[in-house]
């Protein structure tokens, strides 16, 4: 009996060591994926056709940036556009949230895609009288900036993900398919860098954004969103965490889906099977939905 207990104990210890080793190996692998994603300083290089958007009377081009290299003009612009677009949805929380966003804005790990409109002059910029804030007043070098995406590569539930911190567009360039175009690009960047999902946070009060992500882009409320972790706590929170997962592990952990292939999987598989230039050109030329 004693020998059996010793053998059982030894087997348990071996199992624990093996499991610990597997956990450490997986963590190292995920860390390497994140590190490799950040090593690429310009994520647009692999998607050259996506640098230009010309549709619905709007012609813009994209450029990459990082939080640690923002000019003073760009910092002021980002803060201004955030205030215009987000002060309303955040309501009384904005004063606190604005400080958080200022810190996030300049973080070294903050990756940016800036949208520049060479044919748009300052006189076309609209004024939000109710907030006394100009919707766009980028006065730095180069063509006018009319929007940006800020994102990072992080780990959620042991899954490497691309987390969209901000997608902000000027009012005059909204509703023309640019937001959808940018999110398709973000998903491609995530896939190329071996992320398991794209995630983002949306204020419940921002009904237009919720509809955009959930109805048009087929994102779902993640399993880590407060409303799914605990409905009672979720009811008190002002936001939802949305997700679009790409593989079975990510779907299980972040969406709560264990079977089936989502639309995002088919989109990327089709994209990979086709010529990059031809496919992305068709996406850019397709009518907005």
C-alpha atoms as a PDB file:
ATOM      1  CA  UNK A   1       0.000   0.000   0.000  1.00  0.00           C
ATOM      2  CA  UNK A   2       2.800   2.366   0.926  1.00  0.00           C
ATOM      3  CA  UNK A   3       4.556   1.651  -2.371  1.00  0.00           C
ATOM      4  CA  UNK A   4       1.371   2.425  -4.288  1.00  0.00           C
ATOM      5  CA  UNK A   5       0.936   5.713  -2.449  1.00  0.00           C
ATOM      6  CA  UNK A   6       4.539   6.673  -3.220  1.00  0.00           C
ATOM      7  CA  UNK A   7       4.098   5.763  -6.874  1.00  0.00           C
ATOM      8  CA  UNK A   8       0.869   7.748  -7.060  1.00  0.00           C
ATOM      9  CA  UNK A   9       2.573  10.715  -5.410  1.00  0.00           C
ATOM     10  CA  UNK A  10       5.480  10.534  -7.849  1.00  0.00           C
ATOM     11  CA  UNK A  11       3.099  10.361 -10.802  1.00  0.00           C
ATOM     12  CA  UNK A  12       1.203  13.407  -9.510  1.00  0.00           C
ATOM     13  CA  UNK A  13       4.440  15.348  -9.119  1.00  0.00           C
ATOM     14  CA  UNK A  14       5.486  14.411 -12.648  1.00  0.00           C
ATOM     15  CA  UNK A  15       2.104  15.503 -13.990  1.00  0.00           C
ATOM     16  CA  UNK A  16       2.368  18.821 -12.148  1.00  0.00           C
ATOM     17  CA  UNK A  17       5.877  19.437 -13.477  1.00  0.00           C
ATOM     18  CA  UNK A  18       4.799  18.544 -16.986  1.00  0.00           C
ATOM     19  CA  UNK A  19       1.786  20.837 -16.773  1.00  0.00           C
ATOM     20  CA  UNK A  20       3.923  23.642 -15.334  1.00  0.00           C
ATOM     21  CA  UNK A  21       6.401  23.165 -18.177  1.00  0.00           C
ATOM     22  CA  UNK A  22       3.607  23.307 -20.757  1.00  0.00           C
ATOM     23  CA  UNK A  23       2.227  26.496 -19.182  1.00  0.00           C
ATOM     24  CA  UNK A  24       5.660  28.152 -19.200  1.00  0.00           C
ATOM     25  CA  UNK A  25       6.310  27.092 -22.793  1.00  0.00           C
ATOM     26  CA  UNK A  26       2.971  28.475 -23.891  1.00  0.00           C
ATOM     27  CA  UNK A  27       3.621  31.748 -22.068  1.00  0.00           C
ATOM     28  CA  UNK A  28       7.043  32.066 -23.720  1.00  0.00           C
ATOM     29  CA  UNK A  29       5.499  31.366 -27.118  1.00  0.00           C
ATOM     30  CA  UNK A  30       2.851  34.054 -26.585  1.00  0.00           C
ATOM     31  CA  UNK A  31       5.485  36.514 -25.364  1.00  0.00           C
ATOM     32  CA  UNK A  32       7.484  35.865 -28.541  1.00  0.00           C
ATOM     33  CA  UNK A  33       4.403  36.495 -30.678  1.00  0.00           C
ATOM     34  CA  UNK A  34       3.774  39.839 -28.956  1.00  0.00           C
ATOM     35  CA  UNK A  35       7.446  40.778 -29.189  1.00  0.00           C
ATOM     36  CA  UNK A  36       7.546  39.956 -32.904  1.00  0.00           C
ATOM     37  CA  UNK A  37       4.413  42.026 -33.543  1.00  0.00           C
ATOM     38  CA  UNK A  38       5.989  45.082 -31.932  1.00  0.00           C
ATOM     39  CA  UNK A  39       9.273  44.523 -33.793  1.00  0.00           C
ATOM     40  CA  UNK A  40       7.452  45.514 -36.990  1.00  0.00           C
ATOM     41  CA  UNK A  41       7.543  49.315 -36.802  1.00  0.00           C
ATOM     42  CA  UNK A  42       5.252  49.869 -39.795  1.00  0.00           C
ATOM     43  CA  UNK A  43       2.380  47.402 -40.045  1.00  0.00           C
ATOM     44  CA  UNK A  44       1.190  48.993 -43.284  1.00  0.00           C
ATOM     45  CA  UNK A  45       4.238  47.797 -45.223  1.00  0.00           C
ATOM     46  CA  UNK A  46       2.649  44.383 -45.787  1.00  0.00           C
ATOM     47  CA  UNK A  47      -0.627  45.945 -46.963  1.00  0.00           C
ATOM     48  CA  UNK A  48       0.442  48.601 -49.447  1.00  0.00           C
ATOM     49  CA  UNK A  49      -2.898  48.722 -51.321  1.00  0.00           C
ATOM     50  CA  UNK A  50      -4.604  49.653 -48.049  1.00  0.00           C
ATOM     51  CA  UNK A  51      -2.584  52.833 -47.733  1.00  0.00           C
ATOM     52  CA  UNK A  52      -5.082  54.572 -50.028  1.00  0.00           C
ATOM     53  CA  UNK A  53      -8.848  54.879 -49.632  1.00  0.00           C
ATOM     54  CA  UNK A  54     -10.781  56.448 -52.508  1.00  0.00           C
ATOM     55  CA  UNK A  55     -14.519  55.938 -52.275  1.00  0.00           C
ATOM     56  CA  UNK A  56     -17.802  57.817 -51.865  1.00  0.00           C
ATOM     57  CA  UNK A  57     -16.238  61.174 -52.645  1.00  0.00           C
ATOM     58  CA  UNK A  58     -13.492  60.721 -50.070  1.00  0.00           C
ATOM     59  CA  UNK A  59      -9.801  60.382 -50.925  1.00  0.00           C
ATOM     60  CA  UNK A  60      -7.380  59.770 -48.041  1.00  0.00           C
ATOM     61  CA  UNK A  61      -4.138  57.944 -47.381  1.00  0.00           C
ATOM     62  CA  UNK A  62      -2.830  56.137 -44.304  1.00  0.00           C
ATOM     63  CA  UNK A  63       0.449  56.316 -42.437  1.00  0.00           C
ATOM     64  CA  UNK A  64       1.820  54.540 -39.367  1.00  0.00           C
ATOM     65  CA  UNK A  65       2.923  56.109 -36.099  1.00  0.00           C
ATOM     66  CA  UNK A  66       3.764  55.308 -32.485  1.00  0.00           C
ATOM     67  CA  UNK A  67       2.916  56.792 -29.117  1.00  0.00           C
ATOM     68  CA  UNK A  68       6.499  57.655 -28.240  1.00  0.00           C
ATOM     69  CA  UNK A  69       7.052  59.642 -31.442  1.00  0.00           C
ATOM     70  CA  UNK A  70       3.969  61.865 -31.527  1.00  0.00           C
ATOM     71  CA  UNK A  71       4.574  65.524 -32.303  1.00  0.00           C
ATOM     72  CA  UNK A  72       3.083  68.188 -30.042  1.00  0.00           C
ATOM     73  CA  UNK A  73       0.649  69.105 -32.852  1.00  0.00           C
ATOM     74  CA  UNK A  74      -0.475  65.477 -33.160  1.00  0.00           C
ATOM     75  CA  UNK A  75      -0.958  65.133 -29.403  1.00  0.00           C
ATOM     76  CA  UNK A  76      -3.199  68.206 -29.331  1.00  0.00           C
ATOM     77  CA  UNK A  77      -5.139  66.940 -32.320  1.00  0.00           C
ATOM     78  CA  UNK A  78      -5.725  63.498 -30.754  1.00  0.00           C
ATOM     79  CA  UNK A  79      -6.912  65.069 -27.495  1.00  0.00           C
ATOM     80  CA  UNK A  80      -9.247  67.418 -29.373  1.00  0.00           C
ATOM     81  CA  UNK A  81     -10.829  64.713 -31.530  1.00  0.00           C
ATOM     82  CA  UNK A  82     -11.260  62.429 -28.531  1.00  0.00           C
ATOM     83  CA  UNK A  83     -13.076  65.204 -26.684  1.00  0.00           C
ATOM     84  CA  UNK A  84     -15.364  65.914 -29.628  1.00  0.00           C
ATOM     85  CA  UNK A  85     -16.287  62.272 -30.212  1.00  0.00           C
ATOM     86  CA  UNK A  86     -16.207  60.791 -26.719  1.00  0.00           C
ATOM     87  CA  UNK A  87     -17.200  63.422 -24.176  1.00  0.00           C
ATOM     88  CA  UNK A  88     -20.877  62.775 -24.905  1.00  0.00           C
ATOM     89  CA  UNK A  89     -20.827  58.948 -24.634  1.00  0.00           C
ATOM     90  CA  UNK A  90     -18.712  59.042 -21.457  1.00  0.00           C
ATOM     91  CA  UNK A  91     -20.868  61.678 -19.793  1.00  0.00           C
ATOM     92  CA  UNK A  92     -19.757  62.477 -16.230  1.00  0.00           C
ATOM     93  CA  UNK A  93     -16.951  59.897 -16.492  1.00  0.00           C
ATOM     94  CA  UNK A  94     -15.184  61.918 -19.182  1.00  0.00           C
ATOM     95  CA  UNK A  95     -13.119  64.100 -16.834  1.00  0.00           C
ATOM     96  CA  UNK A  96     -11.453  61.009 -15.361  1.00  0.00           C
ATOM     97  CA  UNK A  97     -11.323  59.053 -18.598  1.00  0.00           C
ATOM     98  CA  UNK A  98      -9.696  61.931 -20.477  1.00  0.00           C
ATOM     99  CA  UNK A  99      -6.674  61.757 -18.149  1.00  0.00           C
ATOM    100  CA  UNK A 100      -6.411  58.006 -18.746  1.00  0.00           C
ATOM    101  CA  UNK A 101      -6.527  58.499 -22.513  1.00  0.00           C
ATOM    102  CA  UNK A 102      -3.779  61.105 -22.365  1.00  0.00           C
ATOM    103  CA  UNK A 103      -1.491  58.583 -20.696  1.00  0.00           C
ATOM    104  CA  UNK A 104      -2.454  55.840 -23.126  1.00  0.00           C
ATOM    105  CA  UNK A 105      -1.882  58.175 -26.060  1.00  0.00           C
ATOM    106  CA  UNK A 106       1.888  58.472 -25.548  1.00  0.00           C
ATOM    107  CA  UNK A 107       2.661  54.956 -24.311  1.00  0.00           C
ATOM    108  CA  UNK A 108       5.590  53.355 -26.204  1.00  0.00           C
ATOM    109  CA  UNK A 109       3.442  50.327 -27.035  1.00  0.00           C
ATOM    110  CA  UNK A 110       0.694  52.465 -28.613  1.00  0.00           C
ATOM    111  CA  UNK A 111       0.583  51.827 -32.376  1.00  0.00           C
ATOM    112  CA  UNK A 112      -1.182  54.293 -34.687  1.00  0.00           C
ATOM    113  CA  UNK A 113      -2.662  54.499 -38.137  1.00  0.00           C
ATOM    114  CA  UNK A 114      -3.286  58.120 -39.115  1.00  0.00           C
ATOM    115  CA  UNK A 115      -5.724  59.131 -41.842  1.00  0.00           C
ATOM    116  CA  UNK A 116      -4.649  62.119 -43.937  1.00  0.00           C
ATOM    117  CA  UNK A 117      -6.820  63.939 -46.456  1.00  0.00           C
ATOM    118  CA  UNK A 118      -4.667  65.877 -48.957  1.00  0.00           C
ATOM    119  CA  UNK A 119      -7.650  67.527 -50.659  1.00  0.00           C
ATOM    120  CA  UNK A 120      -9.348  68.761 -47.491  1.00  0.00           C
ATOM    121  CA  UNK A 121      -8.600  72.294 -46.388  1.00  0.00           C
ATOM    122  CA  UNK A 122      -8.987  73.822 -42.934  1.00  0.00           C
ATOM    123  CA  UNK A 123     -12.050  75.783 -44.063  1.00  0.00           C
ATOM    124  CA  UNK A 124     -13.969  72.527 -44.519  1.00  0.00           C
ATOM    125  CA  UNK A 125     -13.590  71.648 -40.851  1.00  0.00           C
ATOM    126  CA  UNK A 126     -16.865  71.879 -38.989  1.00  0.00           C
ATOM    127  CA  UNK A 127     -17.486  73.501 -35.615  1.00  0.00           C
ATOM    128  CA  UNK A 128     -19.256  71.833 -32.696  1.00  0.00           C
ATOM    129  CA  UNK A 129     -20.837  74.871 -31.056  1.00  0.00           C
ATOM    130  CA  UNK A 130     -22.354  72.870 -28.212  1.00  0.00           C
ATOM    131  CA  UNK A 131     -18.885  71.802 -27.040  1.00  0.00           C
ATOM    132  CA  UNK A 132     -16.984  74.861 -28.248  1.00  0.00           C
ATOM    133  CA  UNK A 133     -14.449  72.478 -29.767  1.00  0.00           C
ATOM    134  CA  UNK A 134     -13.342  72.416 -33.385  1.00  0.00           C
ATOM    135  CA  UNK A 135     -13.889  68.908 -34.703  1.00  0.00           C
ATOM    136  CA  UNK A 136     -10.513  68.883 -36.422  1.00  0.00           C
ATOM    137  CA  UNK A 137      -7.770  71.427 -36.379  1.00  0.00           C
ATOM    138  CA  UNK A 138      -4.548  69.617 -37.084  1.00  0.00           C
ATOM    139  CA  UNK A 139      -2.030  72.379 -37.694  1.00  0.00           C
ATOM    140  CA  UNK A 140       1.153  70.317 -37.910  1.00  0.00           C
ATOM    141  CA  UNK A 141       3.276  69.347 -40.878  1.00  0.00           C
ATOM    142  CA  UNK A 142       1.859  67.476 -43.832  1.00  0.00           C
ATOM    143  CA  UNK A 143      -1.685  67.050 -45.102  1.00  0.00           C
ATOM    144  CA  UNK A 144      -4.665  67.466 -42.745  1.00  0.00           C
ATOM    145  CA  UNK A 145      -5.330  64.545 -40.415  1.00  0.00           C
ATOM    146  CA  UNK A 146      -8.988  63.505 -40.265  1.00  0.00           C
ATOM    147  CA  UNK A 147      -8.840  60.460 -38.021  1.00  0.00           C
ATOM    148  CA  UNK A 148      -6.737  57.747 -36.445  1.00  0.00           C
ATOM    149  CA  UNK A 149      -6.684  54.239 -35.044  1.00  0.00           C
ATOM    150  CA  UNK A 150      -4.730  53.430 -31.885  1.00  0.00           C
ATOM    151  CA  UNK A 151      -4.083  49.782 -31.085  1.00  0.00           C
ATOM    152  CA  UNK A 152      -1.819  47.490 -29.084  1.00  0.00           C
ATOM    153  CA  UNK A 153      -0.806  43.845 -28.976  1.00  0.00           C
ATOM    154  CA  UNK A 154      -1.697  42.382 -25.581  1.00  0.00           C
ATOM    155  CA  UNK A 155      -2.728  39.106 -23.928  1.00  0.00           C
ATOM    156  CA  UNK A 156      -6.272  38.356 -22.786  1.00  0.00           C
ATOM    157  CA  UNK A 157      -7.148  35.006 -21.196  1.00  0.00           C
ATOM    158  CA  UNK A 158      -3.833  33.545 -22.416  1.00  0.00           C
ATOM    159  CA  UNK A 159      -4.650  34.566 -25.978  1.00  0.00           C
ATOM    160  CA  UNK A 160      -2.569  37.135 -27.904  1.00  0.00           C
ATOM    161  CA  UNK A 161      -4.931  39.796 -29.248  1.00  0.00           C
ATOM    162  CA  UNK A 162      -4.855  43.078 -31.085  1.00  0.00           C
ATOM    163  CA  UNK A 163      -6.768  45.511 -28.882  1.00  0.00           C
ATOM    164  CA  UNK A 164      -8.201  48.603 -30.578  1.00  0.00           C
ATOM    165  CA  UNK A 165      -7.941  51.410 -28.044  1.00  0.00           C
ATOM    166  CA  UNK A 166      -9.360  54.088 -30.341  1.00  0.00           C
ATOM    167  CA  UNK A 167     -11.000  54.420 -33.735  1.00  0.00           C
ATOM    168  CA  UNK A 168     -11.751  58.111 -34.150  1.00  0.00           C
ATOM    169  CA  UNK A 169     -12.871  59.848 -37.347  1.00  0.00           C
ATOM    170  CA  UNK A 170     -13.849  63.433 -38.074  1.00  0.00           C
ATOM    171  CA  UNK A 171     -17.616  63.903 -38.490  1.00  0.00           C
ATOM    172  CA  UNK A 172     -17.188  64.989 -42.124  1.00  0.00           C
ATOM    173  CA  UNK A 173     -15.511  61.691 -43.121  1.00  0.00           C
ATOM    174  CA  UNK A 174     -17.882  59.377 -41.270  1.00  0.00           C
ATOM    175  CA  UNK A 175     -20.536  57.330 -43.038  1.00  0.00           C
ATOM    176  CA  UNK A 176     -18.456  56.740 -46.181  1.00  0.00           C
ATOM    177  CA  UNK A 177     -17.093  53.271 -45.487  1.00  0.00           C
ATOM    178  CA  UNK A 178     -13.771  54.473 -44.054  1.00  0.00           C
ATOM    179  CA  UNK A 179     -14.365  53.009 -40.593  1.00  0.00           C
ATOM    180  CA  UNK A 180     -15.170  49.582 -42.030  1.00  0.00           C
ATOM    181  CA  UNK A 181     -12.120  49.799 -44.287  1.00  0.00           C
ATOM    182  CA  UNK A 182      -9.878  50.580 -41.301  1.00  0.00           C
ATOM    183  CA  UNK A 183     -11.281  47.723 -39.229  1.00  0.00           C
ATOM    184  CA  UNK A 184     -10.753  45.267 -42.097  1.00  0.00           C
ATOM    185  CA  UNK A 185      -7.159  46.444 -42.229  1.00  0.00           C
ATOM    186  CA  UNK A 186      -6.822  46.029 -38.452  1.00  0.00           C
ATOM    187  CA  UNK A 187      -8.097  42.457 -38.718  1.00  0.00           C
ATOM    188  CA  UNK A 188      -5.560  41.691 -41.429  1.00  0.00           C
ATOM    189  CA  UNK A 189      -2.756  43.153 -39.309  1.00  0.00           C
ATOM    190  CA  UNK A 190      -3.925  41.002 -36.395  1.00  0.00           C
ATOM    191  CA  UNK A 191      -3.980  37.865 -38.529  1.00  0.00           C
ATOM    192  CA  UNK A 192      -0.567  38.506 -40.038  1.00  0.00           C
ATOM    193  CA  UNK A 193       0.918  38.912 -36.559  1.00  0.00           C
ATOM    194  CA  UNK A 194      -0.674  35.665 -35.306  1.00  0.00           C
ATOM    195  CA  UNK A 195      -3.170  37.290 -32.950  1.00  0.00           C
ATOM    196  CA  UNK A 196      -6.092  35.160 -31.851  1.00  0.00           C
ATOM    197  CA  UNK A 197      -8.616  37.988 -31.963  1.00  0.00           C
ATOM    198  CA  UNK A 198      -9.342  41.678 -32.312  1.00  0.00           C
ATOM    199  CA  UNK A 199     -10.900  43.270 -29.237  1.00  0.00           C
ATOM    200  CA  UNK A 200     -12.175  46.702 -28.268  1.00  0.00           C
ATOM    201  CA  UNK A 201     -14.234  48.546 -25.669  1.00  0.00           C
ATOM    202  CA  UNK A 202     -17.420  50.461 -26.519  1.00  0.00           C
ATOM    203  CA  UNK A 203     -19.503  52.722 -24.299  1.00  0.00           C
ATOM    204  CA  UNK A 204     -23.095  51.513 -23.978  1.00  0.00           C
ATOM    205  CA  UNK A 205     -24.266  55.084 -24.548  1.00  0.00           C
ATOM    206  CA  UNK A 206     -22.548  55.077 -27.940  1.00  0.00           C
ATOM    207  CA  UNK A 207     -25.355  53.300 -29.788  1.00  0.00           C
ATOM    208  CA  UNK A 208     -23.962  54.167 -33.231  1.00  0.00           C
ATOM    209  CA  UNK A 209     -20.633  52.514 -32.413  1.00  0.00           C
ATOM    210  CA  UNK A 210     -22.331  49.429 -30.947  1.00  0.00           C
ATOM    211  CA  UNK A 211     -24.420  49.055 -34.083  1.00  0.00           C
ATOM    212  CA  UNK A 212     -21.375  49.567 -36.304  1.00  0.00           C
ATOM    213  CA  UNK A 213     -19.288  46.878 -34.625  1.00  0.00           C
ATOM    214  CA  UNK A 214     -21.996  44.335 -33.801  1.00  0.00           C
ATOM    215  CA  UNK A 215     -24.332  44.618 -36.784  1.00  0.00           C
ATOM    216  CA  UNK A 216     -22.032  45.665 -39.618  1.00  0.00           C
ATOM    217  CA  UNK A 217     -18.770  44.021 -38.575  1.00  0.00           C
ATOM    218  CA  UNK A 218     -20.201  41.028 -36.642  1.00  0.00           C
ATOM    219  CA  UNK A 219     -18.314  41.566 -33.393  1.00  0.00           C
ATOM    220  CA  UNK A 220     -19.863  39.996 -30.307  1.00  0.00           C
ATOM    221  CA  UNK A 221     -19.808  40.781 -26.598  1.00  0.00           C
ATOM    222  CA  UNK A 222     -16.791  38.978 -25.177  1.00  0.00           C
ATOM    223  CA  UNK A 223     -16.868  36.506 -22.320  1.00  0.00           C
ATOM    224  CA  UNK A 224     -14.622  38.917 -20.379  1.00  0.00           C
ATOM    225  CA  UNK A 225     -17.083  41.803 -20.737  1.00  0.00           C
ATOM    226  CA  UNK A 226     -18.707  42.657 -17.361  1.00  0.00           C
ATOM    227  CA  UNK A 227     -22.200  41.868 -18.642  1.00  0.00           C
ATOM    228  CA  UNK A 228     -21.182  38.273 -19.391  1.00  0.00           C
ATOM    229  CA  UNK A 229     -18.953  37.773 -16.361  1.00  0.00           C
ATOM    230  CA  UNK A 230     -21.740  38.844 -14.007  1.00  0.00           C
ATOM    231  CA  UNK A 231     -24.968  40.398 -15.365  1.00  0.00           C
ATOM    232  CA  UNK A 232     -25.609  42.240 -12.112  1.00  0.00           C
ATOM    233  CA  UNK A 233     -22.194  43.876 -12.145  1.00  0.00           C
ATOM    234  CA  UNK A 234     -22.440  44.370 -15.901  1.00  0.00           C
ATOM    235  CA  UNK A 235     -25.650  46.347 -15.509  1.00  0.00           C
ATOM    236  CA  UNK A 236     -23.728  48.871 -13.414  1.00  0.00           C
ATOM    237  CA  UNK A 237     -20.912  49.261 -15.925  1.00  0.00           C
ATOM    238  CA  UNK A 238     -21.039  51.806 -18.733  1.00  0.00           C
ATOM    239  CA  UNK A 239     -19.198  49.737 -21.337  1.00  0.00           C
ATOM    240  CA  UNK A 240     -19.031  46.438 -23.196  1.00  0.00           C
ATOM    241  CA  UNK A 241     -15.941  44.590 -24.415  1.00  0.00           C
ATOM    242  CA  UNK A 242     -16.385  43.321 -27.975  1.00  0.00           C
ATOM    243  CA  UNK A 243     -14.450  40.633 -29.770  1.00  0.00           C
ATOM    244  CA  UNK A 244     -13.932  38.919 -33.096  1.00  0.00           C
ATOM    245  CA  UNK A 245     -11.913  35.719 -32.649  1.00  0.00           C
ATOM    246  CA  UNK A 246     -10.044  33.885 -35.407  1.00  0.00           C
ATOM    247  CA  UNK A 247      -9.209  30.428 -34.062  1.00  0.00           C
ATOM    248  CA  UNK A 248     -10.950  27.805 -31.939  1.00  0.00           C
ATOM    249  CA  UNK A 249      -9.021  28.531 -28.736  1.00  0.00           C
ATOM    250  CA  UNK A 250      -9.732  32.256 -28.971  1.00  0.00           C
ATOM    251  CA  UNK A 251     -13.378  31.609 -29.802  1.00  0.00           C
ATOM    252  CA  UNK A 252     -13.735  29.335 -26.780  1.00  0.00           C
ATOM    253  CA  UNK A 253     -11.996  31.672 -24.343  1.00  0.00           C
ATOM    254  CA  UNK A 254     -13.088  35.081 -25.615  1.00  0.00           C
ATOM    255  CA  UNK A 255     -16.411  34.430 -27.350  1.00  0.00           C
ATOM    256  CA  UNK A 256     -17.649  31.310 -25.599  1.00  0.00           C
ATOM    257  CA  UNK A 257     -17.987  29.584 -28.973  1.00  0.00           C
ATOM    258  CA  UNK A 258     -16.536  26.093 -29.328  1.00  0.00           C
ATOM    259  CA  UNK A 259     -17.643  25.052 -32.789  1.00  0.00           C
ATOM    260  CA  UNK A 260     -18.099  26.520 -36.208  1.00  0.00           C
ATOM    261  CA  UNK A 261     -16.170  28.875 -38.424  1.00  0.00           C
ATOM    262  CA  UNK A 262     -16.996  32.568 -38.271  1.00  0.00           C
ATOM    263  CA  UNK A 263     -17.244  35.122 -41.014  1.00  0.00           C
ATOM    264  CA  UNK A 264     -13.885  36.576 -39.978  1.00  0.00           C
ATOM    265  CA  UNK A 265     -12.195  33.220 -40.687  1.00  0.00           C
ATOM    266  CA  UNK A 266     -13.681  33.015 -44.171  1.00  0.00           C
ATOM    267  CA  UNK A 267     -12.760  36.623 -44.923  1.00  0.00           C
ATOM    268  CA  UNK A 268      -9.116  36.027 -44.111  1.00  0.00           C
ATOM    269  CA  UNK A 269      -8.924  32.665 -45.868  1.00  0.00           C
ATOM    270  CA  UNK A 270     -10.306  34.199 -49.054  1.00  0.00           C
ATOM    271  CA  UNK A 271      -7.920  37.093 -48.719  1.00  0.00           C
ATOM    272  CA  UNK A 272      -4.912  34.788 -48.333  1.00  0.00           C
ATOM    273  CA  UNK A 273      -5.966  32.672 -51.298  1.00  0.00           C
ATOM    274  CA  UNK A 274      -6.089  35.688 -53.590  1.00  0.00           C
ATOM    275  CA  UNK A 275      -3.534  38.111 -54.864  1.00  0.00           C
ATOM    276  CA  UNK A 276      -2.932  40.819 -52.262  1.00  0.00           C
ATOM    277  CA  UNK A 277      -3.097  43.708 -54.678  1.00  0.00           C
ATOM    278  CA  UNK A 278      -6.157  42.514 -56.563  1.00  0.00           C
ATOM    279  CA  UNK A 279      -8.145  41.584 -53.466  1.00  0.00           C
ATOM    280  CA  UNK A 280      -7.419  44.711 -51.468  1.00  0.00           C
ATOM    281  CA  UNK A 281      -8.165  46.856 -54.509  1.00  0.00           C
ATOM    282  CA  UNK A 282     -11.575  45.223 -54.817  1.00  0.00           C
ATOM    283  CA  UNK A 283     -12.257  45.852 -51.116  1.00  0.00           C
ATOM    284  CA  UNK A 284     -11.282  49.496 -51.519  1.00  0.00           C
ATOM    285  CA  UNK A 285     -13.505  49.905 -54.569  1.00  0.00           C
ATOM    286  CA  UNK A 286     -16.534  48.044 -53.205  1.00  0.00           C
ATOM    287  CA  UNK A 287     -19.597  50.140 -52.305  1.00  0.00           C
ATOM    288  CA  UNK A 288     -20.135  50.814 -48.605  1.00  0.00           C
ATOM    289  CA  UNK A 289     -22.783  48.722 -46.912  1.00  0.00           C
END
